[in-house]
Each structure stands twice: as C-alpha cells, then as structure tokens.
Amino acid sequence: MSVQIATRVDDDQAMLFRETTKRLGITPADALRMFISAFNDYRGFPYAVRVPREEAEPFTSEREATDYASRLALRMSDETR
C-alpha cells in the first residue's frame, strides 16, 4: 500500500526542482521518494541542518587560527574512521 504526500512550494522553486530532476534523469516523484528514504534511514535530515552564523568573528591571532584548524582537522579525521 502507498499513500500520497503533498506540499506547496512557490512557482520558482517548483520549476527549478522539475528542471533539476530532469537533468538528473529522474522524476520529481523519484527525488521525493529518495529524500524520504534517506530521511527515514538517517532518522532525520541526511545532511547538516543548522542555523547560520549571522556574523563571523575574526581570529585574534595567527596562533588561534592555527589551533582552530588543527582541532577541526583532528575532529574531521576522527569522524571518517
């Protein structure tokens, strides 16, 4: 058994969605089914969902920037293991 899920989007978003799915060689319905499947597998969004920073704060020194980059690289390395 299957059910129909519907939502509303503005005209420009719908047109871009249809064009993009066509370029990918899939239908809009296929894309939505793929998203729902990934959403359910991940038990949430299959990509990061976050509130963007409104303003980036500059580092106070080159040392602070280097330390931040090192911590970030180590965290990313750990996540890929």
N, C-alpha and C. Protein backbone atom coordinates (compact mmCIF):
# COMPACT_ATOMS: atom_id res chain seq x y z
N MET A 1 0.84 -1.17 0.00
CA MET A 1 0.00 0.00 0.00
C MET A 1 0.88 1.24 0.00
N SER A 2 0.46 2.29 -0.65
CA SER A 2 1.21 3.54 -0.65
C SER A 2 0.23 4.69 -0.40
N VAL A 3 0.79 5.80 0.07
CA VAL A 3 -0.02 6.99 0.33
C VAL A 3 0.58 8.15 -0.44
N GLN A 4 -0.24 9.13 -0.70
CA GLN A 4 0.23 10.33 -1.39
C GLN A 4 0.56 11.38 -0.36
N ILE A 5 1.72 12.02 -0.51
CA ILE A 5 2.15 13.11 0.35
C ILE A 5 2.23 14.35 -0.53
N ALA A 6 1.64 15.44 -0.08
CA ALA A 6 1.62 16.66 -0.89
C ALA A 6 2.09 17.85 -0.05
N THR A 7 2.68 18.83 -0.71
CA THR A 7 3.08 20.07 -0.06
C THR A 7 3.02 21.19 -1.09
N ARG A 8 3.11 22.40 -0.63
CA ARG A 8 3.11 23.55 -1.53
C ARG A 8 4.48 24.23 -1.49
N VAL A 9 4.94 24.62 -2.67
CA VAL A 9 6.17 25.40 -2.80
C VAL A 9 5.89 26.51 -3.81
N ASP A 10 6.71 27.55 -3.78
CA ASP A 10 6.45 28.63 -4.74
C ASP A 10 6.80 28.20 -6.16
N ASP A 11 6.26 28.90 -7.12
CA ASP A 11 6.40 28.53 -8.53
C ASP A 11 7.85 28.39 -8.97
N ASP A 12 8.71 29.34 -8.56
CA ASP A 12 10.11 29.30 -8.97
C ASP A 12 10.82 28.06 -8.44
N GLN A 13 10.56 27.71 -7.17
CA GLN A 13 11.18 26.53 -6.58
C GLN A 13 10.69 25.26 -7.28
N ALA A 14 9.42 25.20 -7.60
CA ALA A 14 8.86 24.03 -8.28
C ALA A 14 9.47 23.86 -9.66
N MET A 15 9.60 24.96 -10.39
CA MET A 15 10.17 24.91 -11.74
C MET A 15 11.64 24.45 -11.68
N LEU A 16 12.41 25.01 -10.76
CA LEU A 16 13.81 24.61 -10.62
C LEU A 16 13.92 23.15 -10.21
N PHE A 17 13.04 22.70 -9.32
CA PHE A 17 13.03 21.30 -8.89
C PHE A 17 12.77 20.38 -10.07
N ARG A 18 11.77 20.70 -10.86
CA ARG A 18 11.46 19.87 -12.04
C ARG A 18 12.62 19.86 -13.04
N GLU A 19 13.21 21.02 -13.28
CA GLU A 19 14.34 21.10 -14.22
C GLU A 19 15.53 20.29 -13.73
N THR A 20 15.82 20.38 -12.43
CA THR A 20 16.97 19.68 -11.87
C THR A 20 16.76 18.17 -11.90
N THR A 21 15.57 17.72 -11.54
CA THR A 21 15.32 16.28 -11.58
C THR A 21 15.41 15.75 -13.01
N LYS A 22 14.92 16.54 -13.96
CA LYS A 22 15.00 16.13 -15.37
C LYS A 22 16.46 15.99 -15.80
N ARG A 23 17.30 16.94 -15.40
CA ARG A 23 18.73 16.88 -15.75
C ARG A 23 19.40 15.67 -15.10
N LEU A 24 18.90 15.27 -13.94
CA LEU A 24 19.45 14.09 -13.25
C LEU A 24 18.91 12.79 -13.82
N GLY A 25 17.89 12.87 -14.68
CA GLY A 25 17.32 11.68 -15.28
C GLY A 25 16.32 10.97 -14.38
N ILE A 26 15.76 11.72 -13.43
CA ILE A 26 14.74 11.15 -12.54
C ILE A 26 13.51 12.05 -12.56
N THR A 27 12.43 11.55 -12.02
CA THR A 27 11.22 12.37 -11.92
C THR A 27 11.19 13.09 -10.58
N PRO A 28 10.39 14.15 -10.48
CA PRO A 28 10.24 14.79 -9.17
C PRO A 28 9.76 13.80 -8.10
N ALA A 29 8.87 12.90 -8.46
CA ALA A 29 8.39 11.90 -7.51
C ALA A 29 9.53 10.98 -7.05
N ASP A 30 10.41 10.60 -7.99
CA ASP A 30 11.57 9.78 -7.62
C ASP A 30 12.44 10.51 -6.60
N ALA A 31 12.69 11.80 -6.85
CA ALA A 31 13.53 12.59 -5.95
C ALA A 31 12.92 12.67 -4.56
N LEU A 32 11.61 12.86 -4.48
CA LEU A 32 10.96 12.92 -3.18
C LEU A 32 11.01 11.58 -2.47
N ARG A 33 10.81 10.48 -3.21
CA ARG A 33 10.91 9.15 -2.60
C ARG A 33 12.33 8.91 -2.09
N MET A 34 13.34 9.34 -2.86
CA MET A 34 14.73 9.18 -2.43
C MET A 34 15.00 9.97 -1.16
N PHE A 35 14.48 11.21 -1.11
CA PHE A 35 14.68 12.03 0.09
C PHE A 35 14.01 11.38 1.30
N ILE A 36 12.78 10.93 1.14
CA ILE A 36 12.05 10.32 2.26
C ILE A 36 12.78 9.06 2.75
N SER A 37 13.27 8.26 1.82
CA SER A 37 14.00 7.06 2.20
C SER A 37 15.26 7.42 2.99
N ALA A 38 16.03 8.39 2.51
CA ALA A 38 17.25 8.82 3.22
C ALA A 38 16.89 9.43 4.57
N PHE A 39 15.85 10.24 4.61
CA PHE A 39 15.41 10.87 5.86
C PHE A 39 15.08 9.80 6.90
N ASN A 40 14.35 8.77 6.47
CA ASN A 40 13.98 7.70 7.39
C ASN A 40 15.19 6.88 7.82
N ASP A 41 16.11 6.59 6.89
CA ASP A 41 17.32 5.84 7.24
C ASP A 41 18.17 6.58 8.26
N TYR A 42 18.29 7.90 8.09
CA TYR A 42 19.10 8.72 8.98
C TYR A 42 18.36 9.09 10.26
N ARG A 43 17.06 8.82 10.29
CA ARG A 43 16.20 9.25 11.40
C ARG A 43 16.22 10.76 11.54
N GLY A 44 16.27 11.43 10.42
CA GLY A 44 16.31 12.88 10.35
C GLY A 44 16.91 13.28 9.01
N PHE A 45 17.29 14.52 8.91
CA PHE A 45 17.84 15.02 7.66
C PHE A 45 19.14 14.30 7.30
N PRO A 46 19.32 13.93 6.04
CA PRO A 46 20.54 13.25 5.63
C PRO A 46 21.69 14.23 5.35
N TYR A 47 21.57 15.43 5.86
CA TYR A 47 22.60 16.47 5.73
C TYR A 47 22.49 17.37 6.94
N ALA A 48 23.51 18.17 7.15
CA ALA A 48 23.53 19.05 8.32
C ALA A 48 22.46 20.13 8.20
N VAL A 49 21.71 20.29 9.26
CA VAL A 49 20.71 21.36 9.34
C VAL A 49 21.11 22.22 10.52
N ARG A 50 21.44 23.45 10.24
CA ARG A 50 21.88 24.34 11.31
C ARG A 50 21.51 25.78 11.01
N VAL A 51 21.50 26.56 12.03
CA VAL A 51 21.24 27.98 11.89
C VAL A 51 22.55 28.66 11.53
N PRO A 52 22.59 29.38 10.41
CA PRO A 52 23.85 30.01 10.00
C PRO A 52 24.24 31.15 10.95
N ARG A 53 25.53 31.32 11.10
CA ARG A 53 26.01 32.45 11.89
C ARG A 53 25.71 33.72 11.13
N GLU A 54 25.28 34.72 11.85
CA GLU A 54 24.99 35.98 11.18
C GLU A 54 26.26 36.75 10.88
N GLU A 55 27.25 36.55 11.71
CA GLU A 55 28.50 37.29 11.52
C GLU A 55 29.66 36.44 12.00
N ALA A 56 30.66 36.29 11.19
CA ALA A 56 31.85 35.54 11.59
C ALA A 56 32.75 36.42 12.44
N GLU A 57 33.32 35.81 13.47
CA GLU A 57 34.25 36.55 14.32
C GLU A 57 35.67 36.24 13.88
N PRO A 58 36.47 37.26 13.65
CA PRO A 58 37.85 37.01 13.21
C PRO A 58 38.69 36.43 14.35
N PHE A 59 39.70 35.67 13.99
CA PHE A 59 40.63 35.17 14.99
C PHE A 59 41.44 36.34 15.54
N THR A 60 41.83 36.23 16.80
CA THR A 60 42.60 37.33 17.41
C THR A 60 44.08 37.23 17.09
N SER A 61 44.52 36.03 16.67
CA SER A 61 45.93 35.86 16.33
C SER A 61 46.09 34.70 15.34
N GLU A 62 47.25 34.63 14.74
CA GLU A 62 47.55 33.53 13.84
C GLU A 62 47.58 32.22 14.62
N ARG A 63 48.06 32.27 15.84
CA ARG A 63 48.11 31.07 16.70
C ARG A 63 46.70 30.52 16.95
N GLU A 64 45.75 31.41 17.24
CA GLU A 64 44.37 30.99 17.47
C GLU A 64 43.80 30.32 16.22
N ALA A 65 44.08 30.88 15.05
CA ALA A 65 43.60 30.31 13.80
C ALA A 65 44.23 28.95 13.55
N THR A 66 45.52 28.81 13.82
CA THR A 66 46.21 27.53 13.64
C THR A 66 45.66 26.47 14.59
N ASP A 67 45.44 26.84 15.85
CA ASP A 67 44.88 25.90 16.83
C ASP A 67 43.48 25.44 16.39
N TYR A 68 42.67 26.37 15.93
CA TYR A 68 41.32 26.04 15.47
C TYR A 68 41.39 25.07 14.29
N ALA A 69 42.25 25.35 13.32
CA ALA A 69 42.37 24.49 12.14
C ALA A 69 42.86 23.10 12.53
N SER A 70 43.77 23.02 13.48
CA SER A 70 44.27 21.72 13.93
C SER A 70 43.17 20.92 14.61
N ARG A 71 42.40 21.56 15.49
CA ARG A 71 41.30 20.86 16.17
C ARG A 71 40.26 20.39 15.16
N LEU A 72 39.95 21.24 14.19
CA LEU A 72 38.97 20.89 13.18
C LEU A 72 39.45 19.69 12.34
N ALA A 73 40.71 19.70 11.95
CA ALA A 73 41.26 18.61 11.15
C ALA A 73 41.23 17.30 11.94
N LEU A 74 41.56 17.35 13.23
CA LEU A 74 41.53 16.14 14.05
C LEU A 74 40.11 15.61 14.20
N ARG A 75 39.16 16.52 14.39
CA ARG A 75 37.76 16.11 14.53
C ARG A 75 37.27 15.48 13.24
N MET A 76 37.59 16.09 12.09
CA MET A 76 37.17 15.54 10.81
C MET A 76 37.80 14.18 10.57
N SER A 77 39.06 14.03 10.96
CA SER A 77 39.76 12.75 10.80
C SER A 77 39.08 11.67 11.64
N ASP A 78 38.71 12.02 12.87
CA ASP A 78 38.03 11.07 13.75
C ASP A 78 36.68 10.65 13.18
N GLU A 79 35.97 11.58 12.56
CA GLU A 79 34.64 11.30 12.02
C GLU A 79 34.69 10.36 10.82
N THR A 80 35.81 10.33 10.11
CA THR A 80 35.91 9.48 8.92
C THR A 80 36.33 8.06 9.25
N ARG A 81 36.69 7.82 10.50
CA ARG A 81 37.13 6.47 10.90
C ARG A 81 35.97 5.59 11.20
